[in-house]
Protein backbone atom coordinates (compact mmCIF):
# COMPACT_ATOMS: atom_id res chain seq x y z
CA UNK A 1 -0.05 21.09 -5.21
CA UNK A 2 1.42 22.01 -1.91
CA UNK A 3 0.22 21.66 1.30
CA UNK A 4 0.35 24.33 4.24
CA UNK A 5 4.55 22.99 5.05
CA UNK A 6 5.53 23.50 1.32
CA UNK A 7 5.71 19.90 0.73
CA UNK A 8 4.90 19.23 -3.03
CA UNK A 9 2.17 15.95 -3.48
CA UNK A 10 2.70 13.95 -5.90
CA UNK A 11 2.19 10.54 -5.04
CA UNK A 12 -1.46 8.95 -3.96
CA UNK A 13 -2.13 5.77 -2.23
CA UNK A 14 -5.28 3.97 -3.36
CA UNK A 15 -6.86 1.45 -0.90
CA UNK A 16 -9.40 -0.49 -3.39
CA UNK A 17 -10.21 -3.32 -0.73
CA UNK A 18 -10.40 -4.03 2.87
CA UNK A 19 -10.18 -7.79 2.47
CA UNK A 20 -6.93 -10.29 2.64
CA UNK A 21 -6.30 -13.83 1.91
CA UNK A 22 -4.18 -13.23 5.16
CA UNK A 23 -4.25 -12.50 8.67
CA UNK A 24 -0.45 -11.29 9.63
CA UNK A 25 -0.78 -10.62 12.90
CA UNK A 26 0.88 -6.96 12.98
CA UNK A 27 -2.24 -5.95 10.38
CA UNK A 28 -5.20 -8.03 11.65
CA UNK A 29 -6.58 -9.01 15.11
CA UNK A 30 -6.73 -12.65 15.16
CA UNK A 31 -11.01 -12.81 15.58
CA UNK A 32 -11.20 -11.23 12.19
CA UNK A 33 -12.41 -7.64 11.32
CA UNK A 34 -16.04 -6.44 10.58
CA UNK A 35 -15.82 -5.60 6.65
CA UNK A 36 -17.22 -3.69 4.67
CA UNK A 37 -20.26 -3.73 2.76
CA UNK A 38 -19.57 -3.75 -1.55
CA UNK A 39 -22.20 -0.99 -1.46
CA UNK A 40 -19.51 1.28 0.34
CA UNK A 41 -16.80 0.75 -1.54
CA UNK A 42 -15.95 3.24 -4.49
CA UNK A 43 -16.33 1.86 -7.99
CA UNK A 44 -13.57 2.18 -10.42
CA UNK A 45 -15.42 4.56 -12.37
CA UNK A 46 -15.47 6.78 -9.19
CA UNK A 47 -11.60 5.76 -8.45
CA UNK A 48 -10.43 6.45 -11.79
CA UNK A 49 -12.62 9.86 -11.43
CA UNK A 50 -10.93 10.91 -8.42
CA UNK A 51 -7.51 10.53 -9.31
CA UNK A 52 -7.76 12.50 -13.07
CA UNK A 53 -8.66 14.79 -10.81
CA UNK A 54 -5.73 14.95 -8.19
CA UNK A 55 -3.49 13.83 -11.69
CA UNK A 56 -4.52 17.40 -13.14
CA UNK A 57 -3.53 19.00 -9.42
CA UNK A 58 0.00 17.33 -9.59
CA UNK A 59 -0.21 13.58 -8.70
CA UNK A 60 2.66 11.58 -10.70
CA UNK A 61 2.55 9.05 -8.35
CA UNK A 62 0.06 5.78 -7.84
CA UNK A 63 0.27 3.16 -5.61
CA UNK A 64 -2.32 0.12 -5.09
CA UNK A 65 -2.84 -1.03 -1.71
CA UNK A 66 -5.15 -2.88 0.42
CA UNK A 67 -5.87 -5.05 2.23
CA UNK A 68 -4.38 -7.07 -0.35
CA UNK A 69 -5.48 -5.56 -3.53
CA UNK A 70 -5.38 -8.89 -5.69
CA UNK A 71 -8.56 -10.06 -3.68
CA UNK A 72 -10.66 -7.59 -5.73
CA UNK A 73 -12.33 -8.68 -8.73
CA UNK A 74 -10.91 -7.16 -11.62
CA UNK A 75 -8.06 -4.90 -10.39
CA UNK A 76 -6.18 -5.32 -13.48
CA UNK A 77 -8.76 -3.13 -15.26
CA UNK A 78 -8.37 -0.50 -12.44
CA UNK A 79 -4.89 -0.50 -13.51
CA UNK A 80 -5.28 -0.22 -17.00
CA UNK A 81 -7.90 2.72 -16.45
CA UNK A 82 -5.63 5.04 -13.94
CA UNK A 83 -2.67 3.72 -16.40
CA UNK A 84 -4.47 6.01 -19.51
CA UNK A 85 -4.81 9.24 -16.98
CA UNK A 86 -2.95 11.79 -18.92
CA UNK A 87 -0.51 12.71 -16.21
CA UNK A 88 0.01 9.70 -14.20
CA UNK A 89 3.87 8.32 -14.95
CA UNK A 90 4.26 5.73 -12.07
CA UNK A 91 1.83 2.84 -11.30
CA UNK A 92 2.78 0.20 -8.78
CA UNK A 93 0.84 -2.07 -6.13
CA UNK A 94 1.92 -3.47 -2.61
CA UNK A 95 0.66 -7.00 -2.57
CA UNK A 96 1.07 -10.18 -0.10
CA UNK A 97 2.27 -11.69 -3.56
CA UNK A 98 0.09 -15.20 -3.13
CA UNK A 99 -1.93 -14.52 -6.11
CA UNK A 100 0.72 -12.95 -8.13
CA UNK A 101 1.27 -16.49 -10.36
CA UNK A 102 -2.15 -15.86 -11.56
CA UNK A 103 -2.09 -12.26 -12.16
CA UNK A 104 1.39 -10.80 -12.93
CA UNK A 105 1.32 -10.97 -16.87
CA UNK A 106 -2.07 -9.30 -16.99
CA UNK A 107 -1.34 -6.71 -14.59
CA UNK A 108 2.11 -6.00 -16.40
CA UNK A 109 0.06 -5.84 -19.55
CA UNK A 110 -2.52 -3.49 -17.88
CA UNK A 111 0.10 -1.10 -16.89
CA UNK A 112 1.59 -1.93 -13.77
CA UNK A 113 5.09 -0.96 -13.59
CA UNK A 114 6.22 -2.30 -10.32
CA UNK A 115 5.52 -4.49 -7.18
CA UNK A 116 6.35 -4.55 -3.43
CA UNK A 117 5.74 -7.88 -2.31
CA UNK A 118 5.50 -8.27 1.49
CA UNK A 119 7.90 -10.62 3.28
CA UNK A 120 8.89 -10.76 6.97
CA UNK A 121 10.82 -13.86 6.84
CA UNK A 122 12.26 -16.90 4.90
CA UNK A 123 11.76 -19.75 7.23
CA UNK A 124 8.02 -21.68 6.32
CA UNK A 125 6.99 -22.32 9.76
CA UNK A 126 7.89 -18.98 11.05
CA UNK A 127 6.02 -17.56 7.78
CA UNK A 128 2.44 -19.52 9.07
CA UNK A 129 3.30 -18.49 12.70
CA UNK A 130 2.97 -14.53 11.26
CA UNK A 131 0.22 -14.62 9.06
CA UNK A 132 -1.29 -17.28 10.71
CA UNK A 133 -2.68 -19.48 7.34
CA UNK A 134 0.02 -18.67 4.63
CA UNK A 135 2.08 -20.75 3.31
CA UNK A 136 5.66 -19.50 2.35
CA UNK A 137 5.35 -21.78 -1.07
CA UNK A 138 3.24 -19.72 -2.79
CA UNK A 139 4.62 -15.89 -2.09
CA UNK A 140 7.98 -17.32 -3.52
CA UNK A 141 6.41 -18.78 -6.29
CA UNK A 142 4.94 -14.99 -6.78
CA UNK A 143 8.26 -13.27 -6.84
CA UNK A 144 8.84 -15.58 -9.38
CA UNK A 145 6.06 -14.92 -11.71
CA UNK A 146 7.00 -10.88 -10.63
CA UNK A 147 10.00 -11.21 -11.82
CA UNK A 148 9.15 -13.57 -15.09
CA UNK A 149 6.35 -10.45 -16.12
CA UNK A 150 8.67 -7.91 -15.94
CA UNK A 151 7.23 -6.03 -13.06
CA UNK A 152 11.04 -4.59 -11.84
CA UNK A 153 12.01 -3.51 -9.75
CA UNK A 154 10.55 -6.08 -7.57
CA UNK A 155 10.85 -4.76 -4.08
CA UNK A 156 10.70 -6.82 -0.83
CA UNK A 157 8.89 -5.73 2.30
CA UNK A 158 9.81 -6.58 5.78
CA UNK A 159 8.70 -6.04 9.01
CA UNK A 160 11.03 -6.16 11.60
CA UNK A 161 10.24 -5.32 15.16
CA UNK A 162 13.56 -3.83 16.00
CA UNK A 163 15.96 -3.42 13.23
CA UNK A 164 17.08 -5.48 10.53
CA UNK A 165 19.80 -7.07 12.73
CA UNK A 166 16.72 -9.49 13.84
CA UNK A 167 17.55 -13.40 12.32
CA UNK A 168 14.28 -13.08 10.17
CA UNK A 169 15.15 -10.17 8.56
CA UNK A 170 18.85 -10.97 7.72
CA UNK A 171 17.66 -14.08 6.00
CA UNK A 172 15.12 -12.06 3.92
CA UNK A 173 18.04 -9.71 3.25
CA UNK A 174 19.82 -12.68 2.16
CA UNK A 175 17.41 -14.03 -0.01
CA UNK A 176 16.63 -10.65 -1.92
CA UNK A 177 20.43 -10.43 -2.40
CA UNK A 178 20.60 -13.89 -3.88
CA UNK A 179 17.84 -13.14 -6.48
CA UNK A 180 18.89 -9.36 -6.91
CA UNK A 181 15.65 -7.65 -5.39
CA UNK A 182 15.59 -4.68 -3.33
CA UNK A 183 14.64 -5.35 0.64
CA UNK A 184 13.43 -2.61 2.62
CA UNK A 185 12.82 -3.16 6.20
CA UNK A 186 10.08 -1.31 7.59
CA UNK A 187 9.81 -1.19 11.59
CA UNK A 188 6.31 -2.73 13.06
CA UNK A 189 3.92 -0.28 13.57
CA UNK A 190 0.95 1.00 15.97
CA UNK A 191 -1.56 3.42 14.78
CA UNK A 192 -3.46 3.86 18.03
CA UNK A 193 0.01 4.63 19.74
CA UNK A 194 1.88 6.34 16.95
CA UNK A 195 4.96 4.04 17.01
CA UNK A 196 6.35 4.44 13.25
CA UNK A 197 9.43 4.45 12.08
CA UNK A 198 11.89 5.73 8.95
CA UNK A 199 11.85 3.21 6.47
CA UNK A 200 15.15 1.87 5.75
CA UNK A 201 15.41 1.65 1.76
CA UNK A 202 12.84 3.34 1.17
CA UNK A 203 11.00 7.17 2.06
CA UNK A 204 7.85 5.78 4.16
CA UNK A 205 8.35 7.18 7.58
CA UNK A 206 10.07 10.93 6.81
CA UNK A 207 7.60 13.17 7.44
CA UNK A 208 9.45 16.06 6.55
CA UNK A 209 9.80 14.87 3.04
CA UNK A 210 6.33 13.22 2.88
CA UNK A 211 4.54 13.80 -0.84
CA UNK A 212 1.53 11.42 0.00
CA UNK A 213 -2.53 11.21 0.61
CA UNK A 214 -4.17 7.95 0.72
CA UNK A 215 -7.42 7.24 -0.46
CA UNK A 216 -9.43 4.31 1.21
CA UNK A 217 -11.62 2.18 -0.39
CA UNK A 218 -15.05 3.19 1.28
CA UNK A 219 -13.65 6.98 -0.56
CA UNK A 220 -11.82 8.75 2.62
CA UNK A 221 -8.96 10.75 1.51
CA UNK A 222 -6.40 10.85 4.61
CA UNK A 223 -3.57 13.32 4.60
CA UNK A 224 -1.64 11.22 7.38
CA UNK A 225 -1.24 7.62 8.07
CA UNK A 226 -0.99 8.24 12.05
CA UNK A 227 -3.63 10.63 11.97
CA UNK A 228 -7.84 10.43 12.59
CA UNK A 229 -7.95 13.60 9.91
CA UNK A 230 -10.05 12.56 6.70
CA UNK A 231 -12.47 13.96 4.04
CA UNK A 232 -15.15 12.17 2.40
CA UNK A 233 -14.73 12.53 -1.52
CA UNK A 234 -18.26 11.91 -2.31
CA UNK A 235 -20.00 14.63 0.37
CA UNK A 236 -17.27 16.85 -0.25
CA UNK A 237 -16.41 16.51 -4.20
CA UNK A 238 -13.05 15.47 -5.47
CA UNK A 239 -11.67 19.21 -5.22
CA UNK A 240 -13.00 20.37 -1.89
CA UNK A 241 -11.74 16.65 -0.73
CA UNK A 242 -8.26 17.46 -2.09
CA UNK A 243 -8.61 20.72 -0.59
CA UNK A 244 -9.37 20.08 3.12
CA UNK A 245 -6.75 17.33 3.03
CA UNK A 246 -3.42 20.06 1.77
CA UNK A 247 -5.19 21.91 4.46
CA UNK A 248 -5.09 19.26 7.31
CA UNK A 249 -1.98 17.79 6.58
CA UNK A 250 0.20 17.79 9.86
CA UNK A 251 3.68 18.70 10.02
CA UNK A 252 4.20 14.69 11.53
CA UNK A 253 1.96 11.91 12.56
CA UNK A 254 0.35 11.31 15.93
CA UNK A 255 -1.65 8.70 16.28
CA UNK A 256 -4.66 7.31 14.45
CA UNK A 257 -7.29 5.72 16.80
CA UNK A 258 -10.30 5.09 13.92
CA UNK A 259 -8.02 3.41 11.13
CA UNK A 260 -6.44 -0.22 10.64
CA UNK A 261 -3.05 -1.18 8.58
CA UNK A 262 -6.06 -3.73 6.77
CA UNK A 263 -8.46 -0.47 5.49
CA UNK A 264 -6.06 2.08 5.28
CA UNK A 265 -2.63 0.37 3.58
CA UNK A 266 0.59 0.26 5.04
């Protein structure tokens, strides 16, 4: 399927929860967030039904995001449900890695192919500072678990303030190279000001090539992360919501004053 600028849309990012077990400084306010009620979150059956319609229209790639997707109970079952959809050939997940020692094996068995793991520093005290409550050792164990489970290639997402030349970024790069991991550098973004950049080592941020739609955990289909435009898939119906998103997908991002990274996904 094509948007109004003739970009082929083949990629659906699905935020399965707004909850997270970390409190990263660039993602969540220090005083916490107002969480969605469970009744307002899409069920796994609803997510699967929507994805089946999207796949029939040309979506081939699905990535699960959050919040932290692994804090939602039974997410491996959702992975299995999506993996059974005809036409879906690429299934991945972005995670902070903390819970991968517990879930990596069953995620692989369910059909997850690979993971992107967030790692902004390999300095334990800096990691605790950036995540407010996290322990570096936990995410390093998660990376090991992903490798052991065969969730390959394991990709590292490293958020930088300005460039990959920063000390933390250089150290993450050295760690990744030593482990044979792909490292991607993502400039710190601000939705409300429209501050974003191209992901170094990935395709994100290149508006001219954007091929994605985003589904939030409460059922809003967004054509662009940096836009307030969204369609409610329950109110409009699946096909009409997709039509709306294609028609209103902007040529490039502007600002988003209603959403947050923790409920849309990065």
